[in-house]
Amino acid sequence: TILPKLKLSKHTIDLYNRIDIDRVSIILLFVGMLFMSTTFLLQGFEYKKALQDLEAKKEALHIKYHLPISTYTLDAILKKYEKIDTHQTKLRKDLAFFSRTPVQRFESLRFDGKIYEITARSDKNLDSYFKKRFSILSSRFQKNIYIAKLTHE
């Protein structure tokens, strides 16, 4: 048999390796972990209270302005008013552009929702000026009167 002839090494390995940690280090580690967990717990309570305050404010706004509870409906209302705001802002910018137009006097200015119709007294043809902001559908300049149809499309 082989076992009696087998020579084993004199070196041994301790199967139960132990790390020497003194009690002070363990206590400090435990206190540190306890402090961190307490901090996280308190911060969690603060976040929960802040969330409850926000929910209460949201509910108060729903009641004050008679808003629907559904987010889907609120989004639809928001899109509607954003579209109106965009349209009104564009209209205001157009009117500001017209107010800076180098004319002697506007005879008429009409807007049907898409097309501006302009009649103005001027010393020159204003096509180059209006091309900066609008597409000119038609224009005419005769006897110091400029007539044009303008659009954004």
N, C-alpha and C. Protein backbone atom coordinates (compact mmCIF):
# COMPACT_ATOMS: atom_id res chain seq x y z
N THR A 1 0.82 -1.18 0.00
CA THR A 1 0.00 0.00 0.00
C THR A 1 0.87 1.25 0.00
N ILE A 2 0.29 2.34 -0.40
CA ILE A 2 1.04 3.58 -0.62
C ILE A 2 1.12 4.42 0.66
N LEU A 3 0.16 4.42 1.49
CA LEU A 3 0.11 5.32 2.63
C LEU A 3 1.31 5.20 3.58
N PRO A 4 1.78 4.03 3.93
CA PRO A 4 2.95 3.99 4.82
C PRO A 4 4.20 4.59 4.20
N LYS A 5 4.32 4.55 2.89
CA LYS A 5 5.52 5.06 2.24
C LYS A 5 5.45 6.56 1.98
N LEU A 6 4.29 7.15 2.06
CA LEU A 6 4.07 8.57 1.74
C LEU A 6 4.64 9.44 2.85
N LYS A 7 5.51 10.41 2.47
CA LYS A 7 6.06 11.34 3.44
C LYS A 7 5.30 12.66 3.33
N LEU A 8 4.79 13.13 4.41
CA LEU A 8 4.04 14.38 4.45
C LEU A 8 4.96 15.53 4.80
N SER A 9 4.61 16.72 4.33
CA SER A 9 5.39 17.92 4.60
C SER A 9 5.24 18.31 6.07
N LYS A 10 6.26 18.92 6.60
CA LYS A 10 6.22 19.37 7.98
C LYS A 10 5.47 20.70 8.11
N HIS A 11 5.22 21.35 6.99
CA HIS A 11 4.50 22.64 7.01
C HIS A 11 3.01 22.39 7.18
N THR A 12 2.42 23.16 8.03
CA THR A 12 0.98 23.01 8.26
C THR A 12 0.27 24.33 7.98
N ILE A 13 -1.00 24.25 7.67
CA ILE A 13 -1.84 25.43 7.42
C ILE A 13 -2.91 25.45 8.49
N ASP A 14 -3.02 26.59 9.13
CA ASP A 14 -4.05 26.76 10.15
C ASP A 14 -5.39 26.97 9.43
N LEU A 15 -6.28 26.04 9.56
CA LEU A 15 -7.57 26.14 8.88
C LEU A 15 -8.47 27.21 9.48
N TYR A 16 -8.22 27.56 10.65
CA TYR A 16 -9.04 28.58 11.31
C TYR A 16 -8.23 29.85 11.48
N ASN A 17 -7.96 30.51 10.32
CA ASN A 17 -7.21 31.76 10.38
C ASN A 17 -8.01 32.78 11.16
N ARG A 18 -7.36 33.43 12.04
CA ARG A 18 -8.03 34.43 12.85
C ARG A 18 -7.33 35.75 12.65
N ILE A 19 -8.13 36.79 12.49
CA ILE A 19 -7.58 38.13 12.35
C ILE A 19 -7.61 38.75 13.74
N ASP A 20 -6.50 39.25 14.13
CA ASP A 20 -6.45 39.87 15.45
C ASP A 20 -7.04 41.28 15.38
N ILE A 21 -8.21 41.47 15.94
CA ILE A 21 -8.84 42.77 16.03
C ILE A 21 -9.10 43.01 17.50
N ASP A 22 -8.64 44.13 17.96
CA ASP A 22 -8.84 44.39 19.38
C ASP A 22 -10.26 44.88 19.61
N ARG A 23 -10.69 44.85 20.80
CA ARG A 23 -12.06 45.21 21.17
C ARG A 23 -12.36 46.67 20.88
N VAL A 24 -11.42 47.56 21.04
CA VAL A 24 -11.64 49.00 20.80
C VAL A 24 -12.04 49.22 19.34
N SER A 25 -11.35 48.56 18.42
CA SER A 25 -11.67 48.72 17.00
C SER A 25 -13.09 48.23 16.71
N ILE A 26 -13.46 47.12 17.29
CA ILE A 26 -14.81 46.58 17.07
C ILE A 26 -15.85 47.52 17.64
N ILE A 27 -15.61 48.05 18.80
CA ILE A 27 -16.58 48.98 19.42
C ILE A 27 -16.68 50.25 18.59
N LEU A 28 -15.56 50.80 18.14
CA LEU A 28 -15.60 52.00 17.30
C LEU A 28 -16.33 51.74 15.98
N LEU A 29 -16.10 50.59 15.40
CA LEU A 29 -16.79 50.22 14.17
C LEU A 29 -18.29 50.12 14.40
N PHE A 30 -18.67 49.49 15.47
CA PHE A 30 -20.08 49.34 15.82
C PHE A 30 -20.73 50.70 16.07
N VAL A 31 -20.06 51.57 16.81
CA VAL A 31 -20.59 52.92 17.09
C VAL A 31 -20.73 53.70 15.79
N GLY A 32 -19.74 53.60 14.91
CA GLY A 32 -19.81 54.29 13.62
C GLY A 32 -20.98 53.81 12.78
N MET A 33 -21.17 52.51 12.72
CA MET A 33 -22.30 51.96 11.95
C MET A 33 -23.63 52.38 12.57
N LEU A 34 -23.69 52.39 13.89
CA LEU A 34 -24.91 52.81 14.58
C LEU A 34 -25.22 54.27 14.28
N PHE A 35 -24.19 55.11 14.28
CA PHE A 35 -24.36 56.53 13.97
C PHE A 35 -24.85 56.72 12.53
N MET A 36 -24.26 56.01 11.60
CA MET A 36 -24.67 56.14 10.19
C MET A 36 -26.09 55.65 9.98
N SER A 37 -26.45 54.54 10.58
CA SER A 37 -27.81 54.03 10.40
C SER A 37 -28.82 54.97 11.03
N THR A 38 -28.49 55.57 12.17
CA THR A 38 -29.39 56.54 12.81
C THR A 38 -29.55 57.77 11.91
N THR A 39 -28.47 58.23 11.34
CA THR A 39 -28.53 59.38 10.43
C THR A 39 -29.42 59.08 9.23
N PHE A 40 -29.24 57.92 8.61
CA PHE A 40 -30.07 57.54 7.47
C PHE A 40 -31.54 57.42 7.86
N LEU A 41 -31.79 56.89 9.03
CA LEU A 41 -33.16 56.73 9.50
C LEU A 41 -33.82 58.09 9.71
N LEU A 42 -33.11 59.02 10.35
CA LEU A 42 -33.66 60.36 10.57
C LEU A 42 -33.88 61.10 9.25
N GLN A 43 -32.96 60.95 8.33
CA GLN A 43 -33.11 61.60 7.03
C GLN A 43 -34.31 61.00 6.28
N GLY A 44 -34.52 59.72 6.42
CA GLY A 44 -35.68 59.09 5.80
C GLY A 44 -36.98 59.65 6.35
N PHE A 45 -37.03 59.88 7.67
CA PHE A 45 -38.23 60.50 8.26
C PHE A 45 -38.43 61.92 7.75
N GLU A 46 -37.34 62.68 7.59
CA GLU A 46 -37.45 64.04 7.05
C GLU A 46 -38.00 64.02 5.62
N TYR A 47 -37.49 63.09 4.81
CA TYR A 47 -37.99 62.99 3.43
C TYR A 47 -39.46 62.60 3.41
N LYS A 48 -39.84 61.72 4.30
CA LYS A 48 -41.24 61.29 4.36
C LYS A 48 -42.14 62.47 4.73
N LYS A 49 -41.70 63.28 5.70
CA LYS A 49 -42.48 64.45 6.11
C LYS A 49 -42.56 65.47 4.97
N ALA A 50 -41.44 65.69 4.27
CA ALA A 50 -41.43 66.63 3.14
C ALA A 50 -42.37 66.15 2.04
N LEU A 51 -42.38 64.85 1.79
CA LEU A 51 -43.28 64.29 0.78
C LEU A 51 -44.74 64.48 1.18
N GLN A 52 -45.04 64.27 2.45
CA GLN A 52 -46.41 64.47 2.93
C GLN A 52 -46.82 65.94 2.80
N ASP A 53 -45.89 66.86 3.09
CA ASP A 53 -46.18 68.29 2.93
C ASP A 53 -46.47 68.62 1.47
N LEU A 54 -45.67 68.08 0.56
CA LEU A 54 -45.91 68.33 -0.87
C LEU A 54 -47.25 67.76 -1.33
N GLU A 55 -47.57 66.57 -0.85
CA GLU A 55 -48.86 65.97 -1.21
C GLU A 55 -50.01 66.83 -0.69
N ALA A 56 -49.87 67.37 0.52
CA ALA A 56 -50.92 68.23 1.09
C ALA A 56 -51.07 69.51 0.27
N LYS A 57 -49.94 70.10 -0.14
CA LYS A 57 -50.00 71.30 -0.97
C LYS A 57 -50.64 71.01 -2.32
N LYS A 58 -50.30 69.86 -2.88
CA LYS A 58 -50.88 69.46 -4.17
C LYS A 58 -52.39 69.31 -4.04
N GLU A 59 -52.81 68.66 -2.97
CA GLU A 59 -54.25 68.46 -2.74
C GLU A 59 -54.95 69.80 -2.54
N ALA A 60 -54.30 70.73 -1.82
CA ALA A 60 -54.88 72.06 -1.61
C ALA A 60 -55.04 72.80 -2.94
N LEU A 61 -54.05 72.67 -3.83
CA LEU A 61 -54.15 73.31 -5.14
C LEU A 61 -55.28 72.69 -5.97
N HIS A 62 -55.43 71.38 -5.87
CA HIS A 62 -56.52 70.71 -6.60
C HIS A 62 -57.86 71.26 -6.13
N ILE A 63 -58.00 71.43 -4.84
CA ILE A 63 -59.27 71.93 -4.30
C ILE A 63 -59.46 73.40 -4.64
N LYS A 64 -58.40 74.21 -4.47
CA LYS A 64 -58.49 75.66 -4.69
C LYS A 64 -58.87 75.99 -6.14
N TYR A 65 -58.25 75.30 -7.10
CA TYR A 65 -58.48 75.61 -8.50
C TYR A 65 -59.42 74.63 -9.20
N HIS A 66 -60.05 73.78 -8.44
CA HIS A 66 -61.02 72.81 -8.98
C HIS A 66 -60.40 71.98 -10.11
N LEU A 67 -59.21 71.46 -9.87
CA LEU A 67 -58.49 70.69 -10.87
C LEU A 67 -58.88 69.21 -10.79
N PRO A 68 -58.84 68.53 -11.91
CA PRO A 68 -59.09 67.09 -11.87
C PRO A 68 -57.92 66.37 -11.21
N ILE A 69 -58.19 65.22 -10.67
CA ILE A 69 -57.16 64.44 -9.97
C ILE A 69 -56.24 63.74 -10.97
N SER A 70 -56.77 63.35 -12.10
CA SER A 70 -56.04 62.55 -13.09
C SER A 70 -54.87 63.33 -13.69
N THR A 71 -53.70 62.73 -13.71
CA THR A 71 -52.53 63.34 -14.32
C THR A 71 -52.71 63.46 -15.82
N TYR A 72 -53.38 62.50 -16.41
CA TYR A 72 -53.64 62.52 -17.85
C TYR A 72 -54.44 63.77 -18.22
N THR A 73 -55.47 64.07 -17.45
CA THR A 73 -56.30 65.24 -17.71
C THR A 73 -55.52 66.53 -17.47
N LEU A 74 -54.71 66.55 -16.42
CA LEU A 74 -53.89 67.73 -16.14
C LEU A 74 -52.89 67.98 -17.27
N ASP A 75 -52.30 66.92 -17.80
CA ASP A 75 -51.37 67.07 -18.92
C ASP A 75 -52.08 67.64 -20.15
N ALA A 76 -53.29 67.19 -20.39
CA ALA A 76 -54.06 67.70 -21.53
C ALA A 76 -54.35 69.19 -21.36
N ILE A 77 -54.73 69.59 -20.15
CA ILE A 77 -54.99 71.01 -19.88
C ILE A 77 -53.71 71.82 -20.06
N LEU A 78 -52.59 71.30 -19.56
CA LEU A 78 -51.31 71.99 -19.69
C LEU A 78 -50.94 72.17 -21.16
N LYS A 79 -51.08 71.12 -21.96
CA LYS A 79 -50.77 71.23 -23.40
C LYS A 79 -51.65 72.26 -24.09
N LYS A 80 -52.92 72.30 -23.71
CA LYS A 80 -53.86 73.26 -24.30
C LYS A 80 -53.38 74.68 -24.04
N TYR A 81 -53.04 74.97 -22.78
CA TYR A 81 -52.63 76.33 -22.44
C TYR A 81 -51.23 76.66 -22.96
N GLU A 82 -50.36 75.68 -23.09
CA GLU A 82 -49.05 75.93 -23.69
C GLU A 82 -49.21 76.29 -25.17
N LYS A 83 -50.15 75.63 -25.85
CA LYS A 83 -50.41 75.92 -27.25
C LYS A 83 -50.95 77.35 -27.40
N ILE A 84 -51.87 77.72 -26.52
CA ILE A 84 -52.42 79.09 -26.55
C ILE A 84 -51.30 80.10 -26.28
N ASP A 85 -50.45 79.81 -25.30
CA ASP A 85 -49.36 80.72 -24.97
C ASP A 85 -48.39 80.88 -26.14
N THR A 86 -48.06 79.78 -26.80
CA THR A 86 -47.17 79.84 -27.96
C THR A 86 -47.76 80.70 -29.06
N HIS A 87 -49.04 80.50 -29.33
CA HIS A 87 -49.72 81.28 -30.36
C HIS A 87 -49.74 82.76 -30.00
N GLN A 88 -50.07 83.08 -28.75
CA GLN A 88 -50.15 84.48 -28.33
C GLN A 88 -48.77 85.14 -28.34
N THR A 89 -47.74 84.41 -27.96
CA THR A 89 -46.38 84.96 -27.98
C THR A 89 -45.95 85.27 -29.42
N LYS A 90 -46.28 84.36 -30.32
CA LYS A 90 -45.96 84.57 -31.73
C LYS A 90 -46.70 85.80 -32.27
N LEU A 91 -47.95 85.94 -31.89
CA LEU A 91 -48.75 87.08 -32.33
C LEU A 91 -48.17 88.39 -31.79
N ARG A 92 -47.76 88.39 -30.52
CA ARG A 92 -47.17 89.60 -29.94
C ARG A 92 -45.86 89.98 -30.65
N LYS A 93 -45.05 88.97 -30.99
CA LYS A 93 -43.80 89.24 -31.70
C LYS A 93 -44.09 89.81 -33.09
N ASP A 94 -45.13 89.29 -33.74
CA ASP A 94 -45.51 89.81 -35.05
C ASP A 94 -45.94 91.27 -34.94
N LEU A 95 -46.75 91.58 -33.94
CA LEU A 95 -47.21 92.95 -33.77
C LEU A 95 -46.05 93.89 -33.43
N ALA A 96 -45.10 93.42 -32.66
CA ALA A 96 -43.91 94.22 -32.37
C ALA A 96 -43.12 94.47 -33.65
N PHE A 97 -43.04 93.46 -34.51
CA PHE A 97 -42.35 93.61 -35.80
C PHE A 97 -43.07 94.64 -36.66
N PHE A 98 -44.40 94.58 -36.70
CA PHE A 98 -45.17 95.56 -37.48
C PHE A 98 -44.99 96.97 -36.92
N SER A 99 -44.89 97.10 -35.61
CA SER A 99 -44.75 98.44 -35.02
C SER A 99 -43.40 99.07 -35.36
N ARG A 100 -42.39 98.26 -35.70
CA ARG A 100 -41.09 98.79 -36.09
C ARG A 100 -40.97 98.97 -37.62
N THR A 101 -42.03 98.70 -38.35
CA THR A 101 -42.00 98.79 -39.81
C THR A 101 -41.79 100.24 -40.24
N PRO A 102 -40.85 100.48 -41.15
CA PRO A 102 -40.56 101.85 -41.60
C PRO A 102 -41.61 102.35 -42.60
N VAL A 103 -42.78 102.69 -42.11
CA VAL A 103 -43.86 103.20 -42.96
C VAL A 103 -44.27 104.58 -42.47
N GLN A 104 -44.94 105.31 -43.36
CA GLN A 104 -45.47 106.61 -42.93
C GLN A 104 -46.71 106.39 -42.06
N ARG A 105 -47.56 105.44 -42.53
CA ARG A 105 -48.78 105.18 -41.78
C ARG A 105 -49.40 103.87 -42.28
N PHE A 106 -49.94 103.09 -41.35
CA PHE A 106 -50.70 101.90 -41.73
C PHE A 106 -52.12 102.32 -42.07
N GLU A 107 -52.58 101.92 -43.25
CA GLU A 107 -53.97 102.17 -43.62
C GLU A 107 -54.86 101.08 -43.03
N SER A 108 -54.36 99.83 -43.10
CA SER A 108 -55.11 98.72 -42.50
C SER A 108 -54.16 97.57 -42.22
N LEU A 109 -54.55 96.79 -41.22
CA LEU A 109 -53.81 95.59 -40.85
C LEU A 109 -54.85 94.58 -40.40
N ARG A 110 -55.00 93.50 -41.16
CA ARG A 110 -55.98 92.46 -40.83
C ARG A 110 -55.28 91.13 -40.64
N PHE A 111 -55.87 90.31 -39.81
CA PHE A 111 -55.31 88.99 -39.54
C PHE A 111 -56.46 88.01 -39.42
N ASP A 112 -56.46 86.94 -40.22
CA ASP A 112 -57.54 85.96 -40.17
C ASP A 112 -57.14 84.67 -39.45
N GLY A 113 -56.03 84.69 -38.74
CA GLY A 113 -55.57 83.51 -38.04
C GLY A 113 -54.36 82.87 -38.70
N LYS A 114 -54.20 83.10 -40.02
CA LYS A 114 -53.05 82.56 -40.74
C LYS A 114 -52.37 83.62 -41.61
N ILE A 115 -53.15 84.51 -42.17
CA ILE A 115 -52.62 85.46 -43.15
C ILE A 115 -52.83 86.90 -42.66
N TYR A 116 -51.75 87.68 -42.74
CA TYR A 116 -51.83 89.12 -42.46
C TYR A 116 -52.05 89.84 -43.78
N GLU A 117 -53.01 90.76 -43.79
CA GLU A 117 -53.22 91.61 -44.96
C GLU A 117 -52.87 93.03 -44.55
N ILE A 118 -51.91 93.64 -45.25
CA ILE A 118 -51.38 94.94 -44.87
C ILE A 118 -51.59 95.93 -46.00
N THR A 119 -52.02 97.11 -45.62
CA THR A 119 -52.05 98.25 -46.53
C THR A 119 -51.39 99.40 -45.77
N ALA A 120 -50.31 99.96 -46.35
CA ALA A 120 -49.57 101.01 -45.66
C ALA A 120 -49.04 102.04 -46.64
N ARG A 121 -48.90 103.26 -46.18
CA ARG A 121 -48.27 104.32 -46.97
C ARG A 121 -46.77 104.26 -46.70
N SER A 122 -46.00 104.21 -47.79
CA SER A 122 -44.56 104.08 -47.65
C SER A 122 -43.87 104.74 -48.83
N ASP A 123 -42.60 105.08 -48.63
CA ASP A 123 -41.80 105.66 -49.72
C ASP A 123 -41.15 104.59 -50.58
N LYS A 124 -41.13 103.35 -50.09
CA LYS A 124 -40.44 102.28 -50.82
C LYS A 124 -41.18 100.95 -50.68
N ASN A 125 -40.79 100.02 -51.52
CA ASN A 125 -41.33 98.67 -51.45
C ASN A 125 -40.77 97.98 -50.20
N LEU A 126 -41.63 97.38 -49.39
CA LEU A 126 -41.23 96.80 -48.11
C LEU A 126 -41.02 95.28 -48.15
N ASP A 127 -40.94 94.71 -49.33
CA ASP A 127 -40.76 93.25 -49.43
C ASP A 127 -39.49 92.77 -48.70
N SER A 128 -38.40 93.48 -48.88
CA SER A 128 -37.14 93.06 -48.24
C SER A 128 -37.27 93.11 -46.71
N TYR A 129 -38.02 94.06 -46.19
CA TYR A 129 -38.21 94.15 -44.74
C TYR A 129 -39.06 92.99 -44.23
N PHE A 130 -40.18 92.70 -44.89
CA PHE A 130 -41.09 91.66 -44.41
C PHE A 130 -40.55 90.25 -44.64
N LYS A 131 -39.61 90.09 -45.58
CA LYS A 131 -39.01 88.76 -45.80
C LYS A 131 -38.19 88.30 -44.60
N LYS A 132 -37.81 89.22 -43.73
CA LYS A 132 -37.04 88.86 -42.54
C LYS A 132 -37.85 87.96 -41.61
N ARG A 133 -39.17 88.15 -41.59
CA ARG A 133 -40.00 87.41 -40.62
C ARG A 133 -41.10 86.59 -41.28
N PHE A 134 -41.56 86.97 -42.45
CA PHE A 134 -42.72 86.32 -43.06
C PHE A 134 -42.41 85.79 -44.45
N SER A 135 -43.33 84.94 -44.92
CA SER A 135 -43.35 84.56 -46.34
C SER A 135 -44.36 85.48 -47.01
N ILE A 136 -43.99 86.04 -48.11
CA ILE A 136 -44.88 86.97 -48.81
C ILE A 136 -45.68 86.19 -49.84
N LEU A 137 -46.99 86.16 -49.64
CA LEU A 137 -47.88 85.48 -50.60
C LEU A 137 -48.09 86.34 -51.83
N SER A 138 -48.34 87.63 -51.59
CA SER A 138 -48.48 88.57 -52.71
C SER A 138 -48.17 89.96 -52.18
N SER A 139 -47.65 90.81 -53.07
CA SER A 139 -47.38 92.19 -52.67
C SER A 139 -47.47 93.09 -53.90
N ARG A 140 -47.74 94.35 -53.61
CA ARG A 140 -47.88 95.33 -54.68
C ARG A 140 -47.50 96.69 -54.11
N PHE A 141 -46.76 97.47 -54.89
CA PHE A 141 -46.37 98.81 -54.46
C PHE A 141 -46.68 99.78 -55.60
N GLN A 142 -47.70 100.64 -55.36
CA GLN A 142 -48.10 101.61 -56.38
C GLN A 142 -48.47 102.92 -55.70
N LYS A 143 -48.00 104.01 -56.25
CA LYS A 143 -48.36 105.35 -55.78
C LYS A 143 -48.17 105.51 -54.27
N ASN A 144 -47.03 105.10 -53.78
CA ASN A 144 -46.67 105.18 -52.35
C ASN A 144 -47.60 104.39 -51.43
N ILE A 145 -48.26 103.38 -51.97
CA ILE A 145 -49.10 102.50 -51.14
C ILE A 145 -48.59 101.07 -51.33
N TYR A 146 -48.29 100.44 -50.20
CA TYR A 146 -47.78 99.06 -50.20
C TYR A 146 -48.91 98.17 -49.71
N ILE A 147 -49.25 97.14 -50.50
CA ILE A 147 -50.29 96.18 -50.15
C ILE A 147 -49.65 94.79 -50.22
N ALA A 148 -49.85 94.01 -49.14
CA ALA A 148 -49.24 92.66 -49.12
C ALA A 148 -50.07 91.70 -48.32
N LYS A 149 -49.90 90.42 -48.66
CA LYS A 149 -50.43 89.30 -47.87
C LYS A 149 -49.23 88.50 -47.37
N LEU A 150 -49.17 88.34 -46.04
CA LEU A 150 -48.02 87.68 -45.41
C LEU A 150 -48.47 86.51 -44.57
N THR A 151 -47.60 85.52 -44.47
CA THR A 151 -47.87 84.36 -43.63
C THR A 151 -46.55 83.81 -43.07
N HIS A 152 -46.65 82.94 -42.09
CA HIS A 152 -45.45 82.31 -41.53
C HIS A 152 -45.14 80.99 -42.24
N GLU A 153 -46.07 80.46 -42.98
CA GLU A 153 -45.91 79.13 -43.58
C GLU A 153 -45.21 79.18 -44.90
